[in-house]
Every structure is written in C-alpha cells, then in structure tokens.
Amino acid sequence: MATTKKVDKPNKKAVPHELTFLDVRQAARDGQKVFDTFVITGKLPVTK
C-alpha cells in the first residue's frame, strides 16, 4: 500500500497586516511632521 507524505506547512504564518520597519519609520516621520505643525501653529492639523 502506497502512503503519501503530507507536506508540513511552515510554523510562521504570513500576517498581511503586520507592520514592517519601514511602515513604522514612515508613521514616525508623519507623526513628527504633525507634531512640528502643532508646535508652530498651536493647532492640530485635522483632515476631513
């Protein structure tokens, strides 16, 4: 009787919404721009 070996899936699953280092860096840069604008103008820039 022939048996087929099941292919093991890798333990680490790919998470599509996982943040990469570049995503975090970009968010920090955007946050810094908003903070600088707030310090200069005294108002938070709100987008609608």
PDB file of N, CA and C in Angstrom:
ATOM      1  N   MET A   1       0.844  -1.195   0.000  1.00  0.00           N
ATOM      2  CA  MET A   1       0.000   0.000   0.000  1.00  0.00           C
ATOM      3  C   MET A   1       0.884   1.251   0.000  1.00  0.00           C
ATOM      4  N   ALA A   2       0.660   2.126  -0.929  1.00  0.00           N
ATOM      5  CA  ALA A   2       1.471   3.336  -1.045  1.00  0.00           C
ATOM      6  C   ALA A   2       0.927   4.412  -0.110  1.00  0.00           C
ATOM      7  N   THR A   3       1.827   5.028   0.615  1.00  0.00           N
ATOM      8  CA  THR A   3       1.416   6.120   1.505  1.00  0.00           C
ATOM      9  C   THR A   3       1.991   7.420   0.964  1.00  0.00           C
ATOM     10  N   THR A   4       1.245   8.479   1.103  1.00  0.00           N
ATOM     11  CA  THR A   4       1.727   9.788   0.672  1.00  0.00           C
ATOM     12  C   THR A   4       2.070  10.601   1.904  1.00  0.00           C
ATOM     13  N   LYS A   5       3.174  11.275   1.833  1.00  0.00           N
ATOM     14  CA  LYS A   5       3.609  12.095   2.961  1.00  0.00           C
ATOM     15  C   LYS A   5       2.956  13.469   2.856  1.00  0.00           C
ATOM     16  N   LYS A   6       2.394  13.898   3.960  1.00  0.00           N
ATOM     17  CA  LYS A   6       1.808  15.235   3.971  1.00  0.00           C
ATOM     18  C   LYS A   6       2.926  16.272   4.021  1.00  0.00           C
ATOM     19  N   VAL A   7       2.749  17.328   3.272  1.00  0.00           N
ATOM     20  CA  VAL A   7       3.738  18.402   3.273  1.00  0.00           C
ATOM     21  C   VAL A   7       3.451  19.286   4.471  1.00  0.00           C
ATOM     22  N   ASP A   8       4.453  19.425   5.328  1.00  0.00           N
ATOM     23  CA  ASP A   8       4.281  20.254   6.519  1.00  0.00           C
ATOM     24  C   ASP A   8       4.279  21.725   6.132  1.00  0.00           C
ATOM     25  N   LYS A   9       3.335  22.433   6.697  1.00  0.00           N
ATOM     26  CA  LYS A   9       3.295  23.878   6.467  1.00  0.00           C
ATOM     27  C   LYS A   9       4.283  24.544   7.418  1.00  0.00           C
ATOM     28  N   PRO A  10       4.886  25.641   7.008  1.00  0.00           N
ATOM     29  CA  PRO A  10       5.815  26.321   7.916  1.00  0.00           C
ATOM     30  C   PRO A  10       5.073  26.841   9.148  1.00  0.00           C
ATOM     31  N   ASN A  11       5.793  26.851  10.266  1.00  0.00           N
ATOM     32  CA  ASN A  11       5.174  27.261  11.532  1.00  0.00           C
ATOM     33  C   ASN A  11       4.774  28.730  11.523  1.00  0.00           C
ATOM     34  N   LYS A  12       5.611  29.572  10.917  1.00  0.00           N
ATOM     35  CA  LYS A  12       5.312  31.008  10.900  1.00  0.00           C
ATOM     36  C   LYS A  12       4.328  31.309   9.786  1.00  0.00           C
ATOM     37  N   LYS A  13       3.207  31.878  10.146  1.00  0.00           N
ATOM     38  CA  LYS A  13       2.206  32.250   9.150  1.00  0.00           C
ATOM     39  C   LYS A  13       2.455  33.686   8.708  1.00  0.00           C
ATOM     40  N   ALA A  14       2.223  33.948   7.440  1.00  0.00           N
ATOM     41  CA  ALA A  14       2.380  35.303   6.924  1.00  0.00           C
ATOM     42  C   ALA A  14       1.182  36.136   7.378  1.00  0.00           C
ATOM     43  N   VAL A  15       1.457  37.226   8.046  1.00  0.00           N
ATOM     44  CA  VAL A  15       0.397  38.104   8.530  1.00  0.00           C
ATOM     45  C   VAL A  15       0.341  39.302   7.593  1.00  0.00           C
ATOM     46  N   PRO A  16      -0.749  39.467   6.852  1.00  0.00           N
ATOM     47  CA  PRO A  16      -0.788  40.551   5.865  1.00  0.00           C
ATOM     48  C   PRO A  16      -0.786  41.947   6.489  1.00  0.00           C
ATOM     49  N   HIS A  17      -1.304  42.074   7.726  1.00  0.00           N
ATOM     50  CA  HIS A  17      -1.373  43.406   8.329  1.00  0.00           C
ATOM     51  C   HIS A  17      -0.222  43.658   9.299  1.00  0.00           C
ATOM     52  N   GLU A  18       0.830  42.860   9.197  1.00  0.00           N
ATOM     53  CA  GLU A  18       1.990  43.040  10.056  1.00  0.00           C
ATOM     54  C   GLU A  18       2.774  44.268   9.597  1.00  0.00           C
ATOM     55  N   LEU A  19       3.175  45.090  10.538  1.00  0.00           N
ATOM     56  CA  LEU A  19       3.920  46.295  10.195  1.00  0.00           C
ATOM     57  C   LEU A  19       5.384  45.962   9.966  1.00  0.00           C
ATOM     58  N   THR A  20       5.946  46.543   8.956  1.00  0.00           N
ATOM     59  CA  THR A  20       7.372  46.384   8.716  1.00  0.00           C
ATOM     60  C   THR A  20       8.103  47.570   9.332  1.00  0.00           C
ATOM     61  N   PHE A  21       9.416  47.457   9.392  1.00  0.00           N
ATOM     62  CA  PHE A  21      10.216  48.546   9.943  1.00  0.00           C
ATOM     63  C   PHE A  21      10.008  49.834   9.161  1.00  0.00           C
ATOM     64  N   LEU A  22       9.876  49.713   7.836  1.00  0.00           N
ATOM     65  CA  LEU A  22       9.685  50.912   7.014  1.00  0.00           C
ATOM     66  C   LEU A  22       8.336  51.555   7.294  1.00  0.00           C
ATOM     67  N   ASP A  23       7.298  50.735   7.532  1.00  0.00           N
ATOM     68  CA  ASP A  23       5.983  51.286   7.870  1.00  0.00           C
ATOM     69  C   ASP A  23       6.057  52.084   9.168  1.00  0.00           C
ATOM     70  N   VAL A  24       6.751  51.535  10.149  1.00  0.00           N
ATOM     71  CA  VAL A  24       6.877  52.213  11.447  1.00  0.00           C
ATOM     72  C   VAL A  24       7.667  53.499  11.297  1.00  0.00           C
ATOM     73  N   ARG A  25       8.738  53.452  10.489  1.00  0.00           N
ATOM     74  CA  ARG A  25       9.543  54.655  10.273  1.00  0.00           C
ATOM     75  C   ARG A  25       8.746  55.741   9.586  1.00  0.00           C
ATOM     76  N   GLN A  26       7.934  55.356   8.590  1.00  0.00           N
ATOM     77  CA  GLN A  26       7.116  56.330   7.864  1.00  0.00           C
ATOM     78  C   GLN A  26       6.071  56.945   8.796  1.00  0.00           C
ATOM     79  N   ALA A  27       5.460  56.125   9.640  1.00  0.00           N
ATOM     80  CA  ALA A  27       4.463  56.633  10.584  1.00  0.00           C
ATOM     81  C   ALA A  27       5.107  57.592  11.576  1.00  0.00           C
ATOM     82  N   ALA A  28       6.311  57.283  12.026  1.00  0.00           N
ATOM     83  CA  ALA A  28       7.014  58.168  12.956  1.00  0.00           C
ATOM     84  C   ALA A  28       7.345  59.495  12.291  1.00  0.00           C
ATOM     85  N   ARG A  29       7.731  59.432  11.022  1.00  0.00           N
ATOM     86  CA  ARG A  29       8.055  60.661  10.292  1.00  0.00           C
ATOM     87  C   ARG A  29       6.807  61.523  10.113  1.00  0.00           C
ATOM     88  N   ASP A  30       5.685  60.883   9.768  1.00  0.00           N
ATOM     89  CA  ASP A  30       4.430  61.625   9.614  1.00  0.00           C
ATOM     90  C   ASP A  30       4.002  62.231  10.941  1.00  0.00           C
ATOM     91  N   GLY A  31       4.144  61.468  12.014  1.00  0.00           N
ATOM     92  CA  GLY A  31       3.789  61.967  13.345  1.00  0.00           C
ATOM     93  C   GLY A  31       4.646  63.156  13.737  1.00  0.00           C
ATOM     94  N   GLN A  32       5.917  63.109  13.376  1.00  0.00           N
ATOM     95  CA  GLN A  32       6.812  64.222  13.695  1.00  0.00           C
ATOM     96  C   GLN A  32       6.394  65.475  12.939  1.00  0.00           C
ATOM     97  N   LYS A  33       5.970  65.329  11.691  1.00  0.00           N
ATOM     98  CA  LYS A  33       5.507  66.479  10.902  1.00  0.00           C
ATOM     99  C   LYS A  33       4.276  67.105  11.551  1.00  0.00           C
ATOM    100  N   VAL A  34       3.347  66.262  11.989  1.00  0.00           N
ATOM    101  CA  VAL A  34       2.130  66.762  12.639  1.00  0.00           C
ATOM    102  C   VAL A  34       2.484  67.473  13.931  1.00  0.00           C
ATOM    103  N   PHE A  35       3.404  66.890  14.707  1.00  0.00           N
ATOM    104  CA  PHE A  35       3.799  67.497  15.976  1.00  0.00           C
ATOM    105  C   PHE A  35       4.466  68.855  15.745  1.00  0.00           C
ATOM    106  N   ASP A  36       5.346  68.919  14.737  1.00  0.00           N
ATOM    107  CA  ASP A  36       6.006  70.195  14.435  1.00  0.00           C
ATOM    108  C   ASP A  36       4.986  71.256  14.040  1.00  0.00           C
ATOM    109  N   THR A  37       4.005  70.869  13.233  1.00  0.00           N
ATOM    110  CA  THR A  37       2.952  71.803  12.832  1.00  0.00           C
ATOM    111  C   THR A  37       2.176  72.286  14.053  1.00  0.00           C
ATOM    112  N   PHE A  38       1.898  71.372  14.987  1.00  0.00           N
ATOM    113  CA  PHE A  38       1.172  71.730  16.199  1.00  0.00           C
ATOM    114  C   PHE A  38       1.964  72.707  17.048  1.00  0.00           C
ATOM    115  N   VAL A  39       3.256  72.473  17.172  1.00  0.00           N
ATOM    116  CA  VAL A  39       4.099  73.354  17.981  1.00  0.00           C
ATOM    117  C   VAL A  39       4.161  74.747  17.364  1.00  0.00           C
ATOM    118  N   ILE A  40       4.264  74.813  16.041  1.00  0.00           N
ATOM    119  CA  ILE A  40       4.395  76.104  15.357  1.00  0.00           C
ATOM    120  C   ILE A  40       3.080  76.880  15.392  1.00  0.00           C
ATOM    121  N   THR A  41       1.965  76.219  15.066  1.00  0.00           N
ATOM    122  CA  THR A  41       0.693  76.919  14.912  1.00  0.00           C
ATOM    123  C   THR A  41      -0.180  76.865  16.165  1.00  0.00           C
ATOM    124  N   GLY A  42       0.038  75.881  17.052  1.00  0.00           N
ATOM    125  CA  GLY A  42      -0.812  75.723  18.215  1.00  0.00           C
ATOM    126  C   GLY A  42      -2.112  75.006  17.890  1.00  0.00           C
ATOM    127  N   LYS A  43      -2.271  74.548  16.659  1.00  0.00           N
ATOM    128  CA  LYS A  43      -3.471  73.828  16.254  1.00  0.00           C
ATOM    129  C   LYS A  43      -3.081  72.483  15.672  1.00  0.00           C
ATOM    130  N   LEU A  44      -3.894  71.479  15.946  1.00  0.00           N
ATOM    131  CA  LEU A  44      -3.648  70.165  15.348  1.00  0.00           C
ATOM    132  C   LEU A  44      -4.223  70.160  13.935  1.00  0.00           C
ATOM    133  N   PRO A  45      -3.408  69.746  12.960  1.00  0.00           N
ATOM    134  CA  PRO A  45      -3.929  69.658  11.595  1.00  0.00           C
ATOM    135  C   PRO A  45      -4.913  68.486  11.486  1.00  0.00           C
ATOM    136  N   VAL A  46      -6.167  68.809  11.183  1.00  0.00           N
ATOM    137  CA  VAL A  46      -7.199  67.785  11.094  1.00  0.00           C
ATOM    138  C   VAL A  46      -7.630  67.668   9.643  1.00  0.00           C
ATOM    139  N   THR A  47      -7.577  66.453   9.117  1.00  0.00           N
ATOM    140  CA  THR A  47      -8.020  66.232   7.740  1.00  0.00           C
ATOM    141  C   THR A  47      -9.422  65.659   7.764  1.00  0.00           C
ATOM    142  N   LYS A  48     -10.252  66.103   6.818  1.00  0.00           N
ATOM    143  CA  LYS A  48     -11.630  65.621   6.766  1.00  0.00           C
ATOM    144  C   LYS A  48     -11.862  64.876   5.494  1.00  0.00           C
TER     145      LYS A  48
END
